[in-house]
Amino acid sequence: MNSLFKALSHPVRRRIIAMLRAGPLASGDIAAAFDMSWPTVTGHLNALREAELVSTERERQSVRYRLEISAVEEALAFLMDLSGTGKPDGKEP
């Protein structure tokens, strides 16, 4: 879970996640949305993939990134439990 929160700590990565909420995107489309070098964007995408927040799929010459909702749900459950607004240990009453 540490890698998940570390990945979410950077504003560029949060913006990429927001972009992926609309559906999968090619890496080139993601990179075009930012005024930074391709290697820098790739580093952010790798951090998101390592945190299991996104998955990849090769499509001919490009790589498509897809948001992994299960990782986001896990983070939300942790935060809700921490704040006392979630169910203890994720169990139903």
N, C-alpha and C. Protein backbone atom coordinates (compact mmCIF):
# COMPACT_ATOMS: atom_id res chain seq x y z
N MET A 1 0.83 -1.18 0.00
CA MET A 1 0.00 0.00 0.00
C MET A 1 0.88 1.26 0.00
N ASN A 2 2.11 1.17 0.49
CA ASN A 2 2.99 2.34 0.50
C ASN A 2 3.24 2.87 -0.90
N SER A 3 3.46 1.96 -1.86
CA SER A 3 3.71 2.41 -3.23
C SER A 3 2.47 3.07 -3.82
N LEU A 4 1.30 2.63 -3.39
CA LEU A 4 0.06 3.22 -3.86
C LEU A 4 -0.04 4.67 -3.41
N PHE A 5 0.17 4.92 -2.13
CA PHE A 5 0.08 6.29 -1.62
C PHE A 5 1.22 7.16 -2.14
N LYS A 6 2.39 6.58 -2.33
CA LYS A 6 3.50 7.34 -2.91
C LYS A 6 3.14 7.75 -4.33
N ALA A 7 2.56 6.83 -5.10
CA ALA A 7 2.15 7.15 -6.47
C ALA A 7 1.10 8.26 -6.49
N LEU A 8 0.18 8.22 -5.55
CA LEU A 8 -0.89 9.22 -5.50
C LEU A 8 -0.41 10.57 -4.98
N SER A 9 0.78 10.62 -4.42
CA SER A 9 1.26 11.87 -3.83
C SER A 9 1.68 12.90 -4.86
N HIS A 10 1.88 12.50 -6.10
CA HIS A 10 2.36 13.44 -7.12
C HIS A 10 1.20 13.97 -7.96
N PRO A 11 1.10 15.28 -8.15
CA PRO A 11 -0.03 15.85 -8.89
C PRO A 11 -0.13 15.39 -10.34
N VAL A 12 1.00 15.13 -10.99
CA VAL A 12 0.95 14.64 -12.38
C VAL A 12 0.30 13.25 -12.41
N ARG A 13 0.64 12.43 -11.46
CA ARG A 13 0.06 11.08 -11.42
C ARG A 13 -1.43 11.13 -11.11
N ARG A 14 -1.83 12.04 -10.25
CA ARG A 14 -3.26 12.19 -9.97
C ARG A 14 -4.00 12.68 -11.22
N ARG A 15 -3.36 13.54 -11.98
CA ARG A 15 -3.99 14.01 -13.22
C ARG A 15 -4.11 12.88 -14.24
N ILE A 16 -3.09 12.03 -14.33
CA ILE A 16 -3.15 10.88 -15.24
C ILE A 16 -4.30 9.97 -14.83
N ILE A 17 -4.44 9.72 -13.54
CA ILE A 17 -5.54 8.88 -13.06
C ILE A 17 -6.88 9.50 -13.42
N ALA A 18 -7.00 10.81 -13.26
CA ALA A 18 -8.24 11.49 -13.63
C ALA A 18 -8.52 11.33 -15.12
N MET A 19 -7.50 11.41 -15.94
CA MET A 19 -7.67 11.22 -17.38
C MET A 19 -8.16 9.81 -17.70
N LEU A 20 -7.63 8.83 -16.98
CA LEU A 20 -7.97 7.43 -17.24
C LEU A 20 -9.36 7.04 -16.73
N ARG A 21 -9.96 7.90 -15.92
CA ARG A 21 -11.33 7.62 -15.46
C ARG A 21 -12.29 7.55 -16.63
N ALA A 22 -12.00 8.28 -17.71
CA ALA A 22 -12.87 8.28 -18.89
C ALA A 22 -12.67 7.04 -19.75
N GLY A 23 -11.61 6.29 -19.51
CA GLY A 23 -11.34 5.08 -20.27
C GLY A 23 -9.87 4.96 -20.60
N PRO A 24 -9.47 3.82 -21.16
CA PRO A 24 -8.07 3.58 -21.48
C PRO A 24 -7.54 4.60 -22.48
N LEU A 25 -6.25 4.91 -22.34
CA LEU A 25 -5.58 5.85 -23.25
C LEU A 25 -4.22 5.30 -23.65
N ALA A 26 -3.82 5.64 -24.86
CA ALA A 26 -2.48 5.28 -25.33
C ALA A 26 -1.46 6.16 -24.62
N SER A 27 -0.27 5.63 -24.44
CA SER A 27 0.77 6.40 -23.75
C SER A 27 1.07 7.71 -24.46
N GLY A 28 1.02 7.73 -25.76
CA GLY A 28 1.25 8.96 -26.51
C GLY A 28 0.20 10.03 -26.22
N ASP A 29 -1.05 9.60 -26.07
CA ASP A 29 -2.12 10.55 -25.74
C ASP A 29 -1.93 11.13 -24.34
N ILE A 30 -1.48 10.29 -23.44
CA ILE A 30 -1.23 10.77 -22.07
C ILE A 30 -0.07 11.76 -22.09
N ALA A 31 1.01 11.40 -22.77
CA ALA A 31 2.19 12.26 -22.81
C ALA A 31 1.88 13.60 -23.46
N ALA A 32 1.00 13.61 -24.46
CA ALA A 32 0.67 14.85 -25.17
C ALA A 32 -0.05 15.86 -24.27
N ALA A 33 -0.64 15.37 -23.18
CA ALA A 33 -1.38 16.26 -22.27
C ALA A 33 -0.46 17.02 -21.32
N PHE A 34 0.83 16.71 -21.34
CA PHE A 34 1.77 17.31 -20.40
C PHE A 34 2.91 18.01 -21.13
N ASP A 35 3.38 19.09 -20.54
CA ASP A 35 4.51 19.83 -21.08
C ASP A 35 5.78 19.35 -20.38
N MET A 36 6.14 18.10 -20.68
CA MET A 36 7.35 17.51 -20.10
C MET A 36 7.87 16.45 -21.06
N SER A 37 9.08 16.01 -20.81
CA SER A 37 9.70 15.05 -21.71
C SER A 37 9.01 13.68 -21.62
N TRP A 38 9.13 12.94 -22.70
CA TRP A 38 8.56 11.58 -22.76
C TRP A 38 9.11 10.70 -21.63
N PRO A 39 10.43 10.70 -21.37
CA PRO A 39 10.94 9.87 -20.26
C PRO A 39 10.35 10.24 -18.90
N THR A 40 10.07 11.52 -18.68
CA THR A 40 9.48 11.94 -17.41
C THR A 40 8.06 11.39 -17.28
N VAL A 41 7.28 11.49 -18.35
CA VAL A 41 5.92 10.94 -18.34
C VAL A 41 5.98 9.43 -18.15
N THR A 42 6.90 8.78 -18.83
CA THR A 42 7.06 7.32 -18.69
C THR A 42 7.37 6.95 -17.25
N GLY A 43 8.19 7.76 -16.58
CA GLY A 43 8.50 7.51 -15.17
C GLY A 43 7.25 7.57 -14.30
N HIS A 44 6.39 8.53 -14.57
CA HIS A 44 5.13 8.64 -13.83
C HIS A 44 4.22 7.44 -14.12
N LEU A 45 4.15 7.04 -15.38
CA LEU A 45 3.33 5.88 -15.74
C LEU A 45 3.87 4.61 -15.09
N ASN A 46 5.18 4.47 -15.03
CA ASN A 46 5.78 3.30 -14.38
C ASN A 46 5.46 3.28 -12.89
N ALA A 47 5.49 4.44 -12.24
CA ALA A 47 5.16 4.50 -10.81
C ALA A 47 3.71 4.08 -10.58
N LEU A 48 2.81 4.51 -11.46
CA LEU A 48 1.41 4.12 -11.34
C LEU A 48 1.23 2.62 -11.58
N ARG A 49 1.98 2.09 -12.53
CA ARG A 49 1.89 0.65 -12.81
C ARG A 49 2.45 -0.17 -11.65
N GLU A 50 3.57 0.26 -11.10
CA GLU A 50 4.17 -0.46 -9.96
C GLU A 50 3.25 -0.44 -8.75
N ALA A 51 2.47 0.62 -8.60
CA ALA A 51 1.51 0.72 -7.49
C ALA A 51 0.21 -0.02 -7.81
N GLU A 52 0.16 -0.61 -9.00
CA GLU A 52 -1.00 -1.36 -9.47
C GLU A 52 -2.24 -0.48 -9.62
N LEU A 53 -2.02 0.81 -9.84
CA LEU A 53 -3.13 1.73 -10.09
C LEU A 53 -3.55 1.71 -11.55
N VAL A 54 -2.62 1.29 -12.43
CA VAL A 54 -2.94 1.15 -13.84
C VAL A 54 -2.39 -0.18 -14.34
N SER A 55 -3.01 -0.66 -15.40
CA SER A 55 -2.49 -1.84 -16.09
C SER A 55 -2.20 -1.44 -17.53
N THR A 56 -1.39 -2.22 -18.20
CA THR A 56 -1.01 -1.90 -19.58
C THR A 56 -1.43 -3.01 -20.52
N GLU A 57 -1.62 -2.60 -21.75
CA GLU A 57 -1.96 -3.54 -22.81
C GLU A 57 -1.31 -3.04 -24.09
N ARG A 58 -0.51 -3.90 -24.71
CA ARG A 58 0.14 -3.49 -25.95
C ARG A 58 -0.87 -3.60 -27.08
N GLU A 59 -0.91 -2.54 -27.88
CA GLU A 59 -1.81 -2.50 -29.03
C GLU A 59 -0.98 -2.04 -30.23
N ARG A 60 -0.52 -2.99 -31.01
CA ARG A 60 0.40 -2.74 -32.12
C ARG A 60 1.64 -2.02 -31.63
N GLN A 61 1.84 -0.77 -32.07
CA GLN A 61 3.05 -0.04 -31.71
C GLN A 61 2.91 0.79 -30.43
N SER A 62 1.72 0.83 -29.86
CA SER A 62 1.55 1.67 -28.67
C SER A 62 1.15 0.83 -27.46
N VAL A 63 1.23 1.47 -26.31
CA VAL A 63 0.83 0.84 -25.06
C VAL A 63 -0.36 1.63 -24.53
N ARG A 64 -1.43 0.91 -24.20
CA ARG A 64 -2.62 1.55 -23.64
C ARG A 64 -2.63 1.33 -22.14
N TYR A 65 -3.00 2.38 -21.43
CA TYR A 65 -3.07 2.33 -19.97
C TYR A 65 -4.53 2.35 -19.54
N ARG A 66 -4.84 1.52 -18.54
CA ARG A 66 -6.20 1.40 -18.02
C ARG A 66 -6.15 1.55 -16.51
N LEU A 67 -7.08 2.33 -15.97
CA LEU A 67 -7.18 2.51 -14.52
C LEU A 67 -7.65 1.23 -13.86
N GLU A 68 -7.00 0.83 -12.79
CA GLU A 68 -7.38 -0.35 -12.02
C GLU A 68 -8.15 0.11 -10.79
N ILE A 69 -9.45 0.03 -10.88
CA ILE A 69 -10.33 0.52 -9.82
C ILE A 69 -10.10 -0.23 -8.51
N SER A 70 -9.75 -1.49 -8.55
CA SER A 70 -9.58 -2.26 -7.31
C SER A 70 -8.52 -1.64 -6.40
N ALA A 71 -7.45 -1.10 -6.97
CA ALA A 71 -6.42 -0.46 -6.16
C ALA A 71 -6.94 0.83 -5.54
N VAL A 72 -7.75 1.56 -6.29
CA VAL A 72 -8.33 2.79 -5.77
C VAL A 72 -9.32 2.46 -4.65
N GLU A 73 -10.10 1.43 -4.84
CA GLU A 73 -11.06 1.01 -3.81
C GLU A 73 -10.34 0.58 -2.54
N GLU A 74 -9.20 -0.09 -2.68
CA GLU A 74 -8.42 -0.51 -1.52
C GLU A 74 -7.92 0.70 -0.73
N ALA A 75 -7.44 1.71 -1.44
CA ALA A 75 -6.97 2.93 -0.78
C ALA A 75 -8.12 3.64 -0.08
N LEU A 76 -9.27 3.72 -0.74
CA LEU A 76 -10.43 4.37 -0.13
C LEU A 76 -10.89 3.63 1.12
N ALA A 77 -10.91 2.30 1.06
CA ALA A 77 -11.31 1.52 2.22
C ALA A 77 -10.38 1.77 3.39
N PHE A 78 -9.07 1.84 3.11
CA PHE A 78 -8.10 2.11 4.16
C PHE A 78 -8.35 3.48 4.79
N LEU A 79 -8.55 4.49 3.94
CA LEU A 79 -8.77 5.85 4.45
C LEU A 79 -10.08 5.96 5.22
N MET A 80 -11.11 5.29 4.75
CA MET A 80 -12.39 5.32 5.46
C MET A 80 -12.28 4.64 6.81
N ASP A 81 -11.56 3.53 6.86
CA ASP A 81 -11.36 2.84 8.13
C ASP A 81 -10.53 3.70 9.08
N LEU A 82 -9.53 4.35 8.54
CA LEU A 82 -8.66 5.21 9.35
C LEU A 82 -9.44 6.38 9.93
N SER A 83 -10.36 6.93 9.16
CA SER A 83 -11.12 8.07 9.61
C SER A 83 -12.32 7.68 10.46
N GLY A 84 -12.60 6.38 10.55
CA GLY A 84 -13.72 5.91 11.35
C GLY A 84 -15.04 5.93 10.61
N THR A 85 -15.02 6.24 9.31
CA THR A 85 -16.27 6.27 8.55
C THR A 85 -16.55 4.97 7.83
N GLY A 86 -15.59 4.07 7.83
CA GLY A 86 -15.78 2.77 7.19
C GLY A 86 -16.16 1.72 8.20
N LYS A 87 -16.48 0.55 7.69
CA LYS A 87 -16.80 -0.57 8.56
C LYS A 87 -15.49 -1.17 9.08
N PRO A 88 -15.43 -1.53 10.36
CA PRO A 88 -14.20 -2.10 10.91
C PRO A 88 -13.78 -3.35 10.15
N ASP A 89 -12.52 -3.38 9.76
CA ASP A 89 -11.93 -4.53 9.04
C ASP A 89 -12.68 -4.86 7.78
N GLY A 90 -13.50 -3.96 7.25
CA GLY A 90 -14.21 -4.20 6.00
C GLY A 90 -15.34 -5.20 6.13
N LYS A 91 -15.72 -5.56 7.37
CA LYS A 91 -16.77 -6.57 7.60
C LYS A 91 -18.13 -5.89 7.70
N GLU A 92 -19.12 -6.62 7.23
CA GLU A 92 -20.50 -6.15 7.35
C GLU A 92 -20.97 -6.28 8.81
N PRO A 93 -21.87 -5.42 9.25
CA PRO A 93 -22.37 -5.54 10.63
C PRO A 93 -23.21 -6.77 10.83
